[in-house]
């Protein structure tokens, strides 16, 4: 209902303030009407973007793991953007697809104060860097996740999460 009222008001404003145009003009004339796309419409990400989606904790992970969200609130709400089995398999949701990827390298979290992980596929290269902010039974980390596509598109997002068994 509100949407129709806004469209009606915009149409009324445009027609009531119309200026008389000269019959003959020189040069180019541009239309002053701007078309705004509805922000609620659903669209696929363009080729030059990387959309990071959230997902619940993967059922495939049975024991030790690392899992991260964009921030503490999402972490507590279990809206993860990355998870791995602290071994060889990582899980992410990019551009609407849940991906299972191979871990290339991972730091030893028991010893290090810093976390680093490299994950790669034909379509994406992901690097995770974090710093331990709390260490008890599970180690809590804050850092960044950087995702890169072969076309040069790069997205970096903050991460917050934990690693442990």
N, C-alpha and C. Protein backbone atom coordinates (compact mmCIF):
# COMPACT_ATOMS: atom_id res chain seq x y z
N UNK A 1 0.83 -1.19 0.00
CA UNK A 1 0.00 0.00 0.00
C UNK A 1 0.88 1.25 0.00
N UNK A 2 1.90 1.25 0.86
CA UNK A 2 2.81 2.39 0.96
C UNK A 2 3.54 2.61 -0.36
N UNK A 3 3.88 1.51 -1.04
CA UNK A 3 4.59 1.58 -2.31
C UNK A 3 3.74 2.30 -3.35
N UNK A 4 2.44 1.97 -3.42
CA UNK A 4 1.55 2.60 -4.38
C UNK A 4 1.38 4.09 -4.09
N UNK A 5 1.34 4.44 -2.82
CA UNK A 5 1.21 5.85 -2.44
C UNK A 5 2.43 6.63 -2.89
N UNK A 6 3.62 6.04 -2.74
CA UNK A 6 4.85 6.71 -3.15
C UNK A 6 4.90 6.88 -4.67
N UNK A 7 4.48 5.86 -5.41
CA UNK A 7 4.46 5.95 -6.87
C UNK A 7 3.48 7.03 -7.32
N UNK A 8 2.30 7.05 -6.70
CA UNK A 8 1.29 8.06 -7.05
C UNK A 8 1.82 9.46 -6.76
N UNK A 9 2.44 9.65 -5.60
CA UNK A 9 2.96 10.96 -5.22
C UNK A 9 4.06 11.40 -6.18
N UNK A 10 4.93 10.47 -6.59
CA UNK A 10 6.00 10.81 -7.52
C UNK A 10 5.43 11.20 -8.88
N UNK A 11 4.42 10.45 -9.35
CA UNK A 11 3.80 10.75 -10.64
C UNK A 11 3.11 12.12 -10.60
N UNK A 12 2.43 12.40 -9.51
CA UNK A 12 1.75 13.68 -9.35
C UNK A 12 2.76 14.82 -9.35
N UNK A 13 3.87 14.64 -8.64
CA UNK A 13 4.89 15.68 -8.57
C UNK A 13 5.51 15.94 -9.93
N UNK A 14 5.76 14.89 -10.69
CA UNK A 14 6.37 15.06 -12.01
C UNK A 14 5.44 15.77 -12.99
N UNK A 15 4.16 15.45 -12.97
CA UNK A 15 3.24 16.06 -13.92
C UNK A 15 2.83 17.46 -13.52
N UNK A 16 2.81 17.77 -12.24
CA UNK A 16 2.36 19.09 -11.81
C UNK A 16 3.45 20.15 -11.97
N UNK A 17 4.70 19.75 -12.02
CA UNK A 17 5.80 20.71 -12.11
C UNK A 17 6.42 20.74 -13.51
N UNK A 18 5.74 20.26 -14.49
CA UNK A 18 6.29 20.16 -15.83
C UNK A 18 6.45 21.55 -16.43
N UNK A 19 7.65 21.82 -16.96
CA UNK A 19 7.93 23.11 -17.60
C UNK A 19 7.59 23.01 -19.08
N UNK A 20 7.26 24.16 -19.66
CA UNK A 20 7.04 24.19 -21.11
C UNK A 20 8.39 24.06 -21.78
N UNK A 21 8.52 23.12 -22.69
CA UNK A 21 9.76 22.90 -23.42
C UNK A 21 9.73 23.74 -24.70
N UNK A 22 10.84 24.35 -25.06
CA UNK A 22 10.88 25.06 -26.34
C UNK A 22 10.69 24.07 -27.49
N UNK A 23 10.10 24.57 -28.58
CA UNK A 23 9.80 23.71 -29.72
C UNK A 23 11.07 23.18 -30.37
N UNK A 24 12.09 24.00 -30.43
CA UNK A 24 13.34 23.59 -31.08
C UNK A 24 14.48 23.76 -30.09
N UNK A 25 15.27 22.68 -29.93
CA UNK A 25 16.43 22.75 -29.04
C UNK A 25 17.65 22.32 -29.80
N UNK A 26 18.77 22.83 -29.36
CA UNK A 26 20.02 22.40 -29.96
C UNK A 26 20.80 21.64 -28.91
N UNK A 27 21.62 20.71 -29.35
CA UNK A 27 22.39 19.89 -28.40
C UNK A 27 21.57 18.72 -27.94
N UNK A 28 22.08 18.01 -26.95
CA UNK A 28 21.38 16.82 -26.46
C UNK A 28 20.48 17.19 -25.30
N UNK A 29 19.36 16.52 -25.24
CA UNK A 29 18.40 16.72 -24.16
C UNK A 29 18.38 15.44 -23.33
N UNK A 30 18.51 15.58 -22.02
CA UNK A 30 18.49 14.40 -21.15
C UNK A 30 17.22 14.38 -20.33
N UNK A 31 16.72 13.21 -20.15
CA UNK A 31 15.51 13.01 -19.35
C UNK A 31 15.89 13.17 -17.87
N UNK A 32 15.11 13.91 -17.12
CA UNK A 32 15.41 14.14 -15.71
C UNK A 32 14.85 13.05 -14.81
N UNK A 33 14.16 12.07 -15.39
CA UNK A 33 13.57 11.00 -14.60
C UNK A 33 14.62 9.94 -14.30
N UNK A 34 14.84 9.67 -13.04
CA UNK A 34 15.75 8.61 -12.63
C UNK A 34 14.95 7.39 -12.25
N UNK A 35 15.33 6.24 -12.77
CA UNK A 35 14.64 5.01 -12.43
C UNK A 35 15.45 4.32 -11.34
N UNK A 36 14.80 4.05 -10.22
CA UNK A 36 15.44 3.42 -9.09
C UNK A 36 14.97 1.97 -9.01
N UNK A 37 15.94 1.05 -8.90
CA UNK A 37 15.59 -0.36 -8.80
C UNK A 37 15.10 -0.67 -7.39
N UNK A 38 14.07 -1.48 -7.31
CA UNK A 38 13.52 -1.88 -6.03
C UNK A 38 14.55 -2.70 -5.26
N UNK A 39 14.89 -2.28 -4.05
CA UNK A 39 15.91 -2.97 -3.26
C UNK A 39 15.44 -4.31 -2.73
N UNK A 40 14.16 -4.60 -2.82
CA UNK A 40 13.66 -5.89 -2.34
C UNK A 40 13.64 -6.94 -3.44
N UNK A 41 13.98 -6.55 -4.66
CA UNK A 41 13.97 -7.54 -5.73
C UNK A 41 15.14 -8.50 -5.57
N UNK A 42 14.93 -9.72 -6.01
CA UNK A 42 15.95 -10.75 -5.88
C UNK A 42 16.72 -10.80 -7.18
N UNK A 43 18.05 -10.75 -7.06
CA UNK A 43 18.87 -10.83 -8.25
C UNK A 43 20.08 -11.69 -7.98
N UNK A 44 20.60 -12.27 -9.03
CA UNK A 44 21.82 -13.07 -8.94
C UNK A 44 23.00 -12.12 -8.85
N UNK A 45 24.07 -12.50 -8.10
CA UNK A 45 25.25 -11.65 -8.06
C UNK A 45 25.88 -11.56 -9.45
N UNK A 46 26.44 -10.42 -9.79
CA UNK A 46 27.08 -10.27 -11.09
C UNK A 46 28.41 -11.00 -11.08
N UNK A 47 28.99 -11.13 -12.25
CA UNK A 47 30.22 -11.90 -12.40
C UNK A 47 31.36 -11.32 -11.56
N UNK A 48 31.37 -10.03 -11.31
CA UNK A 48 32.46 -9.40 -10.59
C UNK A 48 32.22 -9.26 -9.09
N UNK A 49 31.30 -10.04 -8.53
CA UNK A 49 31.04 -9.94 -7.09
C UNK A 49 31.18 -11.30 -6.43
N UNK A 50 31.31 -11.27 -5.12
CA UNK A 50 31.33 -12.49 -4.32
C UNK A 50 30.38 -12.25 -3.16
N UNK A 51 29.30 -12.98 -3.13
CA UNK A 51 28.31 -12.87 -2.06
C UNK A 51 28.58 -13.97 -1.03
N UNK A 52 28.83 -13.58 0.22
CA UNK A 52 29.11 -14.54 1.28
C UNK A 52 27.82 -14.84 2.03
N UNK A 53 27.41 -16.10 2.03
CA UNK A 53 26.19 -16.51 2.70
C UNK A 53 26.47 -17.17 4.03
N UNK A 54 25.44 -17.25 4.87
CA UNK A 54 25.56 -17.92 6.16
C UNK A 54 24.91 -19.29 6.09
N UNK A 55 25.33 -20.18 7.00
CA UNK A 55 24.81 -21.54 7.04
C UNK A 55 24.93 -22.08 8.45
N UNK A 56 24.15 -23.12 8.80
CA UNK A 56 24.28 -23.74 10.11
C UNK A 56 25.55 -24.60 10.17
N UNK A 57 25.91 -25.04 11.36
CA UNK A 57 27.10 -25.87 11.53
C UNK A 57 26.98 -27.13 10.67
N UNK A 58 28.01 -27.45 9.85
CA UNK A 58 27.93 -28.60 8.96
C UNK A 58 27.82 -29.93 9.71
N UNK A 59 26.88 -30.77 9.28
CA UNK A 59 26.67 -32.08 9.91
C UNK A 59 27.85 -33.01 9.67
N UNK A 60 28.62 -32.74 8.61
CA UNK A 60 29.77 -33.60 8.27
C UNK A 60 30.89 -33.51 9.31
N UNK A 61 30.96 -32.42 10.05
CA UNK A 61 32.03 -32.24 11.03
C UNK A 61 31.63 -32.93 12.33
N UNK A 62 32.44 -33.88 12.74
CA UNK A 62 32.11 -34.70 13.91
C UNK A 62 32.97 -34.37 15.14
N UNK A 63 34.21 -33.96 14.96
CA UNK A 63 35.08 -33.75 16.13
C UNK A 63 35.69 -32.35 16.10
N UNK A 64 37.01 -32.27 16.00
CA UNK A 64 37.70 -30.98 16.04
C UNK A 64 37.27 -30.11 14.86
N UNK A 65 37.17 -28.80 15.11
CA UNK A 65 36.73 -27.90 14.05
C UNK A 65 37.09 -26.46 14.34
N UNK A 66 37.02 -25.66 13.29
CA UNK A 66 37.08 -24.21 13.38
C UNK A 66 35.83 -23.70 12.68
N UNK A 67 35.17 -22.71 13.25
CA UNK A 67 33.98 -22.15 12.63
C UNK A 67 33.88 -20.68 12.99
N UNK A 68 33.53 -19.89 11.97
CA UNK A 68 33.54 -18.44 12.11
C UNK A 68 32.27 -17.81 11.55
N UNK A 69 31.89 -16.69 12.13
CA UNK A 69 30.81 -15.84 11.65
C UNK A 69 31.42 -14.47 11.36
N UNK A 70 30.60 -13.55 10.85
CA UNK A 70 31.10 -12.20 10.55
C UNK A 70 31.36 -11.39 11.82
N UNK A 71 30.62 -11.70 12.89
CA UNK A 71 30.78 -10.94 14.14
C UNK A 71 30.28 -11.80 15.31
N UNK A 72 30.42 -11.28 16.51
CA UNK A 72 30.05 -12.02 17.71
C UNK A 72 28.54 -12.33 17.73
N UNK A 73 27.71 -11.38 17.34
CA UNK A 73 26.25 -11.60 17.35
C UNK A 73 25.86 -12.73 16.41
N UNK A 74 26.40 -12.74 15.19
CA UNK A 74 26.12 -13.83 14.25
C UNK A 74 26.67 -15.16 14.77
N UNK A 75 27.83 -15.12 15.41
CA UNK A 75 28.42 -16.34 15.97
C UNK A 75 27.49 -16.93 17.04
N UNK A 76 27.01 -16.09 17.93
CA UNK A 76 26.11 -16.57 18.98
C UNK A 76 24.77 -17.05 18.42
N UNK A 77 24.37 -16.50 17.26
CA UNK A 77 23.13 -16.93 16.59
C UNK A 77 23.38 -18.12 15.65
N UNK A 78 24.61 -18.62 15.61
CA UNK A 78 25.01 -19.77 14.79
C UNK A 78 24.79 -19.53 13.30
N UNK A 79 25.13 -18.30 12.84
CA UNK A 79 25.09 -17.95 11.42
C UNK A 79 26.54 -17.88 10.93
N UNK A 80 27.05 -19.04 10.53
CA UNK A 80 28.46 -19.16 10.17
C UNK A 80 28.71 -18.83 8.70
N UNK A 81 29.90 -18.29 8.42
CA UNK A 81 30.31 -18.03 7.04
C UNK A 81 31.46 -18.95 6.63
N UNK A 82 32.02 -19.67 7.60
CA UNK A 82 33.14 -20.58 7.32
C UNK A 82 33.17 -21.65 8.41
N UNK A 83 33.51 -22.88 8.02
CA UNK A 83 33.74 -23.96 8.99
C UNK A 83 34.72 -24.94 8.36
N UNK A 84 35.53 -25.58 9.19
CA UNK A 84 36.39 -26.66 8.69
C UNK A 84 36.52 -27.72 9.77
N UNK A 85 37.00 -28.89 9.35
CA UNK A 85 37.13 -30.01 10.28
C UNK A 85 38.51 -30.07 10.92
N UNK A 86 39.23 -28.95 10.92
CA UNK A 86 40.57 -28.84 11.50
C UNK A 86 41.51 -29.87 10.89
N UNK A 87 41.26 -30.20 9.66
CA UNK A 87 42.09 -31.20 8.99
C UNK A 87 42.25 -30.91 7.52
N UNK A 88 41.27 -31.33 6.71
CA UNK A 88 41.44 -31.19 5.28
C UNK A 88 40.24 -30.60 4.53
N UNK A 89 39.09 -30.43 5.18
CA UNK A 89 37.89 -29.99 4.47
C UNK A 89 37.33 -28.71 5.07
N UNK A 90 37.00 -27.76 4.19
CA UNK A 90 36.41 -26.48 4.61
C UNK A 90 35.06 -26.31 3.93
N UNK A 91 34.16 -25.58 4.60
CA UNK A 91 32.80 -25.33 4.12
C UNK A 91 32.53 -23.83 4.10
N UNK A 92 32.03 -23.33 2.96
CA UNK A 92 31.64 -21.94 2.81
C UNK A 92 30.40 -21.90 1.92
N UNK A 93 29.71 -20.74 1.94
CA UNK A 93 28.57 -20.54 1.04
C UNK A 93 28.84 -19.25 0.28
N UNK A 94 29.14 -19.40 -1.02
CA UNK A 94 29.49 -18.26 -1.84
C UNK A 94 28.57 -18.17 -3.04
N UNK A 95 28.07 -16.98 -3.30
CA UNK A 95 27.15 -16.73 -4.42
C UNK A 95 25.99 -17.72 -4.44
N UNK A 96 25.48 -18.02 -3.24
CA UNK A 96 24.30 -18.87 -3.11
C UNK A 96 24.55 -20.36 -3.11
N UNK A 97 25.79 -20.79 -3.31
CA UNK A 97 26.10 -22.22 -3.35
C UNK A 97 26.96 -22.62 -2.16
N UNK A 98 26.58 -23.73 -1.52
CA UNK A 98 27.39 -24.28 -0.44
C UNK A 98 28.55 -25.05 -1.07
N UNK A 99 29.77 -24.68 -0.70
CA UNK A 99 30.96 -25.29 -1.29
C UNK A 99 31.72 -26.10 -0.25
N UNK A 100 32.24 -27.23 -0.67
CA UNK A 100 33.13 -28.06 0.13
C UNK A 100 34.48 -27.97 -0.55
N UNK A 101 35.47 -27.42 0.17
CA UNK A 101 36.78 -27.15 -0.42
C UNK A 101 37.88 -27.82 0.39
N UNK A 102 39.04 -27.97 -0.25
CA UNK A 102 40.19 -28.58 0.41
C UNK A 102 41.04 -27.52 1.09
N UNK A 103 41.42 -27.81 2.35
CA UNK A 103 42.37 -26.95 3.06
C UNK A 103 43.75 -27.21 2.47
N UNK A 104 44.45 -26.15 2.10
CA UNK A 104 45.81 -26.29 1.57
C UNK A 104 46.81 -26.25 2.72
N UNK A 105 46.60 -25.31 3.66
CA UNK A 105 47.48 -25.22 4.83
C UNK A 105 46.70 -24.64 6.01
N UNK A 106 47.17 -24.97 7.20
CA UNK A 106 46.55 -24.47 8.42
C UNK A 106 47.60 -24.42 9.52
N UNK A 107 47.59 -23.33 10.29
CA UNK A 107 48.56 -23.19 11.39
C UNK A 107 48.15 -24.09 12.55
N UNK A 108 49.11 -24.38 13.42
CA UNK A 108 48.85 -25.19 14.61
C UNK A 108 48.28 -24.29 15.69
N UNK A 109 46.98 -24.42 15.95
CA UNK A 109 46.30 -23.51 16.87
C UNK A 109 46.65 -23.75 18.33
N UNK A 110 47.18 -24.90 18.67
CA UNK A 110 47.55 -25.18 20.05
C UNK A 110 48.77 -24.36 20.47
N UNK A 111 49.65 -24.09 19.52
CA UNK A 111 50.90 -23.40 19.81
C UNK A 111 50.83 -21.92 19.49
N UNK A 112 50.24 -21.60 18.37
CA UNK A 112 50.27 -20.23 17.84
C UNK A 112 49.25 -19.31 18.50
N UNK A 113 49.62 -18.05 18.60
CA UNK A 113 48.69 -17.01 19.02
C UNK A 113 47.91 -16.51 17.81
N UNK A 114 48.40 -16.84 16.62
CA UNK A 114 47.77 -16.40 15.40
C UNK A 114 47.30 -17.59 14.59
N UNK A 115 46.25 -17.39 13.86
CA UNK A 115 45.63 -18.42 13.04
C UNK A 115 45.81 -18.06 11.58
N UNK A 116 46.16 -19.03 10.76
CA UNK A 116 46.19 -18.80 9.32
C UNK A 116 45.76 -20.07 8.61
N UNK A 117 44.95 -19.89 7.57
CA UNK A 117 44.45 -21.00 6.79
C UNK A 117 44.42 -20.57 5.33
N UNK A 118 44.70 -21.53 4.45
CA UNK A 118 44.62 -21.30 3.01
C UNK A 118 43.72 -22.40 2.44
N UNK A 119 42.73 -21.97 1.66
CA UNK A 119 41.77 -22.88 1.05
C UNK A 119 41.70 -22.51 -0.42
N UNK A 120 41.67 -23.52 -1.29
CA UNK A 120 41.69 -23.21 -2.71
C UNK A 120 40.83 -24.18 -3.50
N UNK A 121 40.20 -23.65 -4.56
CA UNK A 121 39.50 -24.46 -5.55
C UNK A 121 39.75 -23.81 -6.91
N UNK A 122 39.14 -24.34 -7.95
CA UNK A 122 39.31 -23.73 -9.27
C UNK A 122 38.68 -22.34 -9.33
N UNK A 123 37.63 -22.12 -8.52
CA UNK A 123 36.88 -20.87 -8.58
C UNK A 123 37.25 -19.83 -7.53
N UNK A 124 37.84 -20.25 -6.40
CA UNK A 124 38.11 -19.33 -5.30
C UNK A 124 39.42 -19.68 -4.60
N UNK A 125 40.05 -18.64 -4.06
CA UNK A 125 41.17 -18.80 -3.15
C UNK A 125 40.79 -18.04 -1.89
N UNK A 126 40.80 -18.73 -0.76
CA UNK A 126 40.38 -18.13 0.50
C UNK A 126 41.56 -18.16 1.47
N UNK A 127 41.81 -17.04 2.11
CA UNK A 127 42.83 -17.01 3.17
C UNK A 127 42.20 -16.42 4.43
N UNK A 128 42.50 -17.08 5.53
CA UNK A 128 41.97 -16.66 6.83
C UNK A 128 43.15 -16.31 7.72
N UNK A 129 43.06 -15.15 8.33
CA UNK A 129 44.07 -14.67 9.28
C UNK A 129 43.34 -14.26 10.54
N UNK A 130 43.83 -14.72 11.68
CA UNK A 130 43.18 -14.37 12.93
C UNK A 130 44.16 -14.31 14.08
N UNK A 131 43.71 -13.68 15.14
CA UNK A 131 44.52 -13.55 16.34
C UNK A 131 43.70 -14.09 17.51
N UNK A 132 44.35 -14.89 18.34
CA UNK A 132 43.66 -15.48 19.48
C UNK A 132 43.29 -14.39 20.47
N UNK A 133 42.01 -14.34 20.87
CA UNK A 133 41.57 -13.35 21.84
C UNK A 133 41.21 -14.01 23.17
N UNK A 134 41.08 -15.34 23.16
CA UNK A 134 40.76 -16.05 24.39
C UNK A 134 41.11 -17.51 24.18
N UNK A 135 41.73 -18.12 25.17
CA UNK A 135 42.11 -19.52 25.02
C UNK A 135 41.81 -20.33 26.25
N UNK A 136 40.78 -21.14 26.17
CA UNK A 136 40.44 -22.06 27.26
C UNK A 136 40.32 -23.44 26.64
N UNK A 137 39.16 -24.07 26.76
CA UNK A 137 38.94 -25.36 26.12
C UNK A 137 38.91 -25.18 24.60
N UNK A 138 38.18 -24.19 24.14
CA UNK A 138 38.18 -23.82 22.73
C UNK A 138 38.90 -22.47 22.62
N UNK A 139 39.58 -22.27 21.50
CA UNK A 139 40.32 -21.04 21.28
C UNK A 139 39.46 -20.07 20.48
N UNK A 140 39.30 -18.86 20.99
CA UNK A 140 38.48 -17.84 20.34
C UNK A 140 39.37 -16.93 19.51
N UNK A 141 38.94 -16.64 18.27
CA UNK A 141 39.74 -15.83 17.35
C UNK A 141 38.91 -14.71 16.74
N UNK A 142 39.61 -13.61 16.40
CA UNK A 142 39.07 -12.53 15.58
C UNK A 142 40.06 -12.30 14.45
N UNK A 143 39.55 -11.97 13.27
CA UNK A 143 40.45 -11.74 12.15
C UNK A 143 39.71 -11.38 10.90
N UNK A 144 40.26 -11.82 9.76
CA UNK A 144 39.65 -11.53 8.46
C UNK A 144 39.66 -12.76 7.58
N UNK A 145 38.68 -12.81 6.68
CA UNK A 145 38.64 -13.82 5.64
C UNK A 145 38.68 -13.08 4.32
N UNK A 146 39.64 -13.46 3.47
CA UNK A 146 39.82 -12.83 2.15
C UNK A 146 39.50 -13.87 1.10
N UNK A 147 38.58 -13.52 0.19
CA UNK A 147 38.16 -14.43 -0.87
C UNK A 147 38.51 -13.79 -2.20
N UNK A 148 39.16 -14.58 -3.06
CA UNK A 148 39.61 -14.06 -4.35
C UNK A 148 39.17 -15.00 -5.46
N UNK A 149 38.70 -14.39 -6.57
CA UNK A 149 38.33 -15.16 -7.76
C UNK A 149 39.42 -15.00 -8.81
N UNK A 150 39.52 -15.94 -9.74
CA UNK A 150 40.54 -15.84 -10.80
C UNK A 150 40.45 -14.56 -11.63
N UNK A 151 39.25 -13.94 -11.72
CA UNK A 151 39.11 -12.70 -12.49
C UNK A 151 39.63 -11.47 -11.75
N UNK A 152 40.15 -11.68 -10.53
CA UNK A 152 40.72 -10.58 -9.76
C UNK A 152 39.77 -9.98 -8.73
N UNK A 153 38.51 -10.41 -8.71
CA UNK A 153 37.55 -9.93 -7.72
C UNK A 153 38.00 -10.38 -6.33
N UNK A 154 38.01 -9.45 -5.38
CA UNK A 154 38.44 -9.76 -4.01
C UNK A 154 37.42 -9.19 -3.03
N UNK A 155 37.06 -9.99 -2.02
CA UNK A 155 36.19 -9.55 -0.94
C UNK A 155 36.88 -9.92 0.38
N UNK A 156 36.91 -8.98 1.31
CA UNK A 156 37.46 -9.24 2.63
C UNK A 156 36.38 -8.94 3.66
N UNK A 157 36.22 -9.84 4.62
CA UNK A 157 35.20 -9.66 5.66
C UNK A 157 35.81 -10.01 7.00
N UNK A 158 35.35 -9.33 8.07
CA UNK A 158 35.82 -9.71 9.40
C UNK A 158 35.26 -11.07 9.78
N UNK A 159 35.98 -11.78 10.66
CA UNK A 159 35.51 -13.05 11.19
C UNK A 159 35.64 -13.07 12.70
N UNK A 160 34.77 -13.86 13.33
CA UNK A 160 34.79 -14.06 14.77
C UNK A 160 34.36 -15.50 14.99
N UNK A 161 35.17 -16.26 15.73
CA UNK A 161 34.77 -17.64 15.96
C UNK A 161 35.78 -18.41 16.78
N UNK A 162 35.62 -19.74 16.74
CA UNK A 162 36.48 -20.55 17.59
C UNK A 162 36.97 -21.80 16.89
N UNK A 163 38.03 -22.34 17.46
CA UNK A 163 38.60 -23.61 17.03
C UNK A 163 38.77 -24.45 18.27
N UNK A 164 38.44 -25.73 18.14
CA UNK A 164 38.62 -26.61 19.29
C UNK A 164 38.07 -28.00 19.00
N UNK A 165 38.23 -28.85 20.02
CA UNK A 165 37.77 -30.24 19.90
C UNK A 165 36.66 -30.53 20.90
